[in-house]
Protein backbone atom coordinates (compact mmCIF):
# COMPACT_ATOMS: atom_id res chain seq x y z
CA MET A 1 55.51 -61.28 16.70
CA LYS A 2 52.94 -62.99 18.64
CA LEU A 3 55.29 -65.80 19.35
CA ILE A 4 58.39 -63.02 20.16
CA LYS A 5 55.69 -61.58 22.64
CA ALA A 6 54.71 -64.99 24.26
CA TYR A 7 58.68 -65.42 24.96
CA LEU A 8 59.21 -61.90 26.70
CA SER A 9 55.94 -62.25 28.62
CA SER A 10 57.34 -65.80 30.44
CA ASN A 11 60.20 -66.42 32.42
CA LYS A 12 61.11 -69.25 30.74
CA VAL A 13 63.48 -67.10 29.01
CA TRP A 14 65.53 -65.23 31.65
CA ASN A 15 65.10 -68.54 34.08
CA PHE A 16 64.22 -71.50 31.67
CA ASN A 17 66.24 -73.72 33.79
CA LEU A 18 64.42 -73.70 37.17
CA VAL A 19 60.78 -72.74 35.33
CA GLU A 20 61.44 -76.09 33.28
CA ARG A 21 62.40 -77.97 36.00
CA ASP A 22 59.68 -76.92 38.36
CA ALA A 23 57.21 -77.59 35.29
CA TRP A 24 58.69 -80.96 34.74
CA VAL A 25 58.17 -82.00 38.99
CA ALA A 26 54.58 -80.47 38.80
CA GLN A 27 53.87 -83.03 35.69
CA GLN A 28 55.41 -85.95 37.03
CA ALA A 29 53.92 -85.51 40.54
CA LEU A 30 50.24 -85.64 38.71
CA LEU A 31 51.35 -88.94 37.85
CA ILE A 32 52.10 -89.96 41.47
CA PRO A 33 48.42 -92.05 42.72
CA LYS A 34 46.87 -90.52 45.89
CA GLN A 35 48.05 -91.53 48.90
CA SER A 36 51.14 -92.43 47.93
CA SER A 37 54.45 -92.24 50.32
CA VAL A 38 56.67 -89.33 48.74
CA LEU A 39 60.07 -88.71 50.39
CA ASP A 40 61.72 -85.32 48.85
CA VAL A 41 65.48 -86.00 49.28
CA GLY A 42 67.35 -82.54 50.00
CA ALA A 43 64.46 -80.75 50.19
CA GLY A 44 65.70 -77.53 51.25
CA SER A 45 62.91 -74.88 51.43
CA CYS A 46 60.48 -77.37 50.25
CA PRO A 47 59.68 -75.72 46.94
CA TYR A 48 57.82 -78.88 45.94
CA ARG A 49 55.43 -79.81 48.53
CA ARG A 50 52.36 -77.91 47.15
CA TYR A 51 52.90 -80.50 44.31
CA PHE A 52 52.69 -83.39 46.30
CA SER A 53 49.48 -82.88 48.31
CA HIS A 54 47.80 -85.32 47.53
CA CYS A 55 50.36 -87.47 48.68
CA GLN A 56 51.85 -88.52 51.98
CA TYR A 57 54.88 -86.28 51.86
CA LYS A 58 58.19 -86.55 53.80
CA THR A 59 61.42 -84.57 54.11
CA GLN A 60 65.22 -84.94 54.23
CA ASP A 61 68.08 -82.71 54.36
CA PHE A 62 71.31 -82.43 56.03
CA ALA A 63 70.41 -78.90 56.87
CA SER A 64 73.89 -77.25 57.06
CA LEU A 65 73.20 -74.33 54.82
CA SER A 66 72.50 -70.70 55.24
CA PRO A 67 69.01 -68.88 54.24
CA ASP A 68 70.08 -66.94 51.61
CA GLN A 69 72.30 -70.02 50.19
CA LEU A 70 68.34 -71.87 50.15
CA ARG A 71 65.66 -70.94 47.17
CA GLY A 72 63.80 -67.80 48.17
CA HIS A 73 66.26 -67.06 50.70
CA GLU A 74 63.95 -67.69 53.28
CA GLY A 75 65.69 -70.88 54.86
CA TYR A 76 64.81 -74.02 55.09
CA GLY A 77 60.85 -75.82 55.33
CA THR A 78 59.87 -78.38 57.91
CA ILE A 79 62.26 -81.38 57.81
CA ASP A 80 60.97 -84.91 58.66
CA TYR A 81 64.90 -86.58 58.68
CA LEU A 82 67.31 -84.42 59.43
CA CYS A 83 70.41 -86.54 58.29
CA ASP A 84 72.92 -87.48 55.45
CA ALA A 85 71.23 -88.82 52.59
CA THR A 86 73.47 -91.96 52.43
CA ALA A 87 71.68 -92.63 55.70
CA ILE A 88 67.98 -91.97 55.96
CA PRO A 89 66.96 -93.55 58.91
CA VAL A 90 63.35 -95.12 57.59
CA SER A 91 63.11 -99.11 57.09
CA GLU A 92 63.75 -100.48 53.69
CA ALA A 93 61.27 -99.97 51.08
CA SER A 94 59.17 -97.26 52.99
CA PHE A 95 58.23 -95.30 49.83
CA ASP A 96 56.17 -95.09 46.80
CA ALA A 97 58.34 -92.45 45.19
CA VAL A 98 61.50 -90.17 45.63
CA LEU A 99 62.52 -86.93 44.91
CA CYS A 100 66.01 -85.90 44.37
CA THR A 101 66.05 -82.51 42.61
CA GLU A 102 69.77 -80.43 42.25
CA VAL A 103 70.96 -82.24 45.33
CA LEU A 104 73.83 -85.16 43.70
CA GLU A 105 76.15 -82.29 42.91
CA HIS A 106 76.41 -81.38 46.50
CA VAL A 107 77.23 -84.38 48.10
CA PRO A 108 80.48 -86.09 48.59
CA GLU A 109 79.38 -89.95 47.62
CA PRO A 110 76.70 -89.39 44.79
CA ILE A 111 76.94 -93.15 43.96
CA LYS A 112 76.35 -94.17 47.76
CA VAL A 113 73.29 -91.67 47.63
CA VAL A 114 71.92 -93.44 44.63
CA HIS A 115 72.16 -96.72 46.24
CA GLU A 116 69.89 -95.36 49.35
CA LEU A 117 67.30 -94.06 47.35
CA SER A 118 67.19 -97.11 45.63
CA ARG A 119 67.15 -98.65 49.56
CA VAL A 120 64.28 -96.83 51.02
CA LEU A 121 61.94 -96.94 47.70
CA LYS A 122 59.47 -100.11 47.30
CA PRO A 123 60.11 -102.21 44.45
CA GLY A 124 57.93 -100.96 41.60
CA GLY A 125 58.48 -97.31 42.72
CA THR A 126 59.44 -93.98 40.93
CA LEU A 127 62.83 -92.11 41.23
CA LEU A 128 62.49 -88.72 40.32
CA LEU A 129 66.39 -87.10 40.18
CA THR A 130 67.51 -83.94 38.45
CA ALA A 131 71.06 -82.68 38.63
CA PRO A 132 73.25 -80.54 36.56
CA LEU A 133 75.44 -81.23 33.53
CA GLY A 134 77.62 -78.06 34.16
CA SER A 135 77.54 -75.55 36.65
CA GLY A 136 78.88 -72.53 38.57
CA ILE A 137 80.04 -73.32 41.99
CA HIS A 138 76.93 -72.55 44.63
CA GLN A 139 75.82 -73.59 48.13
CA GLU A 140 79.60 -73.53 48.98
CA PRO A 141 81.62 -75.31 50.65
CA TYR A 142 79.20 -78.23 49.61
CA HIS A 143 79.74 -78.62 45.98
CA PHE A 144 81.88 -81.26 45.05
CA TYR A 145 81.11 -82.19 41.27
CA GLY A 146 80.28 -80.08 38.12
CA GLY A 147 77.70 -82.50 36.80
CA TYR A 148 76.19 -85.61 35.80
CA THR A 149 76.06 -86.97 32.10
CA LEU A 150 73.47 -89.25 30.33
CA PHE A 151 75.73 -92.03 30.79
CA TRP A 152 76.25 -91.90 34.56
CA TYR A 153 72.69 -92.21 35.17
CA GLN A 154 72.47 -94.92 33.03
CA LYS A 155 75.23 -96.82 34.12
CA PHE A 156 74.85 -96.33 38.42
CA LEU A 157 70.98 -96.34 38.59
CA ALA A 158 70.85 -99.23 36.67
CA GLU A 159 73.48 -100.76 39.38
CA ALA A 160 71.57 -99.35 41.97
CA GLY A 161 68.61 -101.73 41.17
CA PHE A 162 66.80 -99.11 38.55
CA SER A 163 65.20 -100.03 35.46
CA ASP A 164 63.54 -98.24 32.67
CA ILE A 165 65.50 -95.06 33.11
CA SER A 166 64.50 -92.02 31.13
CA VAL A 167 67.16 -89.27 31.03
CA GLN A 168 65.55 -85.99 29.29
CA PRO A 169 67.80 -82.86 28.46
CA ASN A 170 66.33 -79.82 30.15
CA GLY A 171 67.28 -77.74 27.16
CA GLY A 172 69.95 -77.57 24.89
CA PHE A 173 73.19 -75.32 23.63
CA PHE A 174 71.31 -72.06 22.71
CA LYS A 175 69.16 -71.88 26.12
CA HIS A 176 72.20 -72.65 27.90
CA TYR A 177 74.00 -69.85 25.70
CA GLY A 178 71.16 -67.20 26.38
CA GLN A 179 71.48 -67.91 30.22
CA GLU A 180 75.13 -67.11 30.32
CA SER A 181 74.54 -63.98 28.30
CA ILE A 182 72.30 -62.67 31.04
CA ARG A 183 74.71 -63.88 33.21
CA PHE A 184 77.70 -61.52 31.42
CA ILE A 185 75.25 -58.41 31.78
CA ARG A 186 74.51 -58.97 35.56
CA MET A 187 78.30 -59.67 36.47
CA THR A 188 79.32 -56.74 34.72
CA ASN A 189 76.92 -54.70 35.93
CA PRO A 190 79.65 -50.74 36.13
CA SER A 191 77.61 -50.58 39.42
CA SER A 192 78.85 -53.73 41.15
CA LEU A 193 82.49 -53.81 39.05
CA LYS A 194 85.31 -53.76 41.34
CA THR A 195 87.30 -51.71 39.35
CA ASN A 196 89.14 -48.02 39.78
CA ALA A 197 85.95 -45.19 39.19
CA ALA A 198 87.76 -44.39 35.70
CA LEU A 199 87.59 -47.82 33.97
CA ARG A 200 84.04 -48.03 35.17
CA LEU A 201 83.18 -44.87 33.87
CA LEU A 202 84.98 -45.94 30.27
CA TRP A 203 83.07 -49.23 30.97
CA ILE A 204 79.62 -47.61 30.82
CA PRO A 205 78.40 -46.68 27.80
CA ILE A 206 79.50 -50.15 26.55
CA TRP A 207 77.72 -51.94 28.99
CA VAL A 208 74.49 -49.77 27.80
CA MET A 209 75.15 -50.84 24.21
CA LEU A 210 75.43 -54.16 25.02
CA LEU A 211 72.31 -54.64 27.66
CA PRO A 212 69.64 -54.96 25.09
CA LEU A 213 71.32 -57.04 23.00
CA LEU A 214 72.82 -60.11 25.60
CA ALA A 215 70.12 -59.29 28.27
CA LEU A 216 67.05 -59.01 25.83
CA VAL A 217 67.69 -59.96 22.26
CA PHE A 218 70.08 -62.98 22.40
CA PRO A 219 68.08 -64.75 24.95
CA VAL A 220 64.42 -64.25 23.50
CA PHE A 221 66.31 -65.72 19.99
CA CYS A 222 68.82 -68.44 21.64
CA HIS A 223 65.14 -69.86 23.24
CA LEU A 224 63.57 -69.74 19.81
CA LEU A 225 66.67 -71.75 18.24
CA ASP A 226 66.83 -73.94 20.69
CA ARG A 227 64.47 -76.47 18.87
CA PHE A 228 67.28 -76.82 16.23
CA ASP A 229 69.84 -78.25 18.56
CA GLN A 230 69.57 -82.17 18.01
CA GLU A 231 72.02 -83.14 20.31
CA ARG A 232 71.79 -81.75 23.07
CA GLY A 233 75.60 -81.89 24.12
CA PHE A 234 75.75 -78.71 26.20
CA THR A 235 72.38 -79.16 28.35
CA ILE A 236 72.13 -77.21 31.30
CA GLY A 237 70.92 -80.62 33.28
CA TYR A 238 68.86 -83.61 32.92
CA HIS A 239 65.66 -84.71 34.27
CA VAL A 240 65.58 -88.64 35.01
CA VAL A 241 62.55 -90.70 35.92
CA ALA A 242 63.60 -94.39 37.10
CA THR A 243 61.73 -97.44 38.31
CA LYS A 244 63.02 -99.80 41.17
CA LYS A 245 63.13 -103.07 40.20
CA ILE A 246 60.65 -105.70 40.94
CA ALA A 247 63.20 -108.88 41.88
């Protein structure tokens, strides 16, 4: 019972993808030495700036999205390099670490971006990378790929000059299923359904009965069950750490 209460009070259940990604970035930031130069590629509203307050933190973005398409719906943060992610105007080996979260699905040439991240990193530098394995269309029209697999990272990061490639799933099937259960309830809310009044009235009692099951019971128990998914074939995405090879 205490465990269930802890889950109910935690945003991890209802927004685990973002919460656990933020926690991962925060943890990785602590491993970056003080005064290291860090580039956040595709920084957007710069939600991770505070995690790198001990570093020389710089940002890059193409800055073509509207404020409501960005995290927090507050628009872009301070962007140091307004450019395409395949051509960042800095010298080779300029940064000790590069952070790139949830960006690769939004760029037309992700392999070129990975090579650019390698170019701007110093030998021995750290790449922190995340992207979805599967996601609905978002930040349109700048959404070009459905997701990236473990094998994509292993192949293309190695070809771009990275080693010690660690790829960890962000949750498994059950957490993913719980997230989609919540999405179902949100998308079928009678007040927002585009249908005639009669059908909406028929749906209201069904939706009300499903609400506690799909928005509360399923997410909590899916979160608890996720530890038993050993395959991780339906993860929401991956958290990747890699090191720029030293020639």
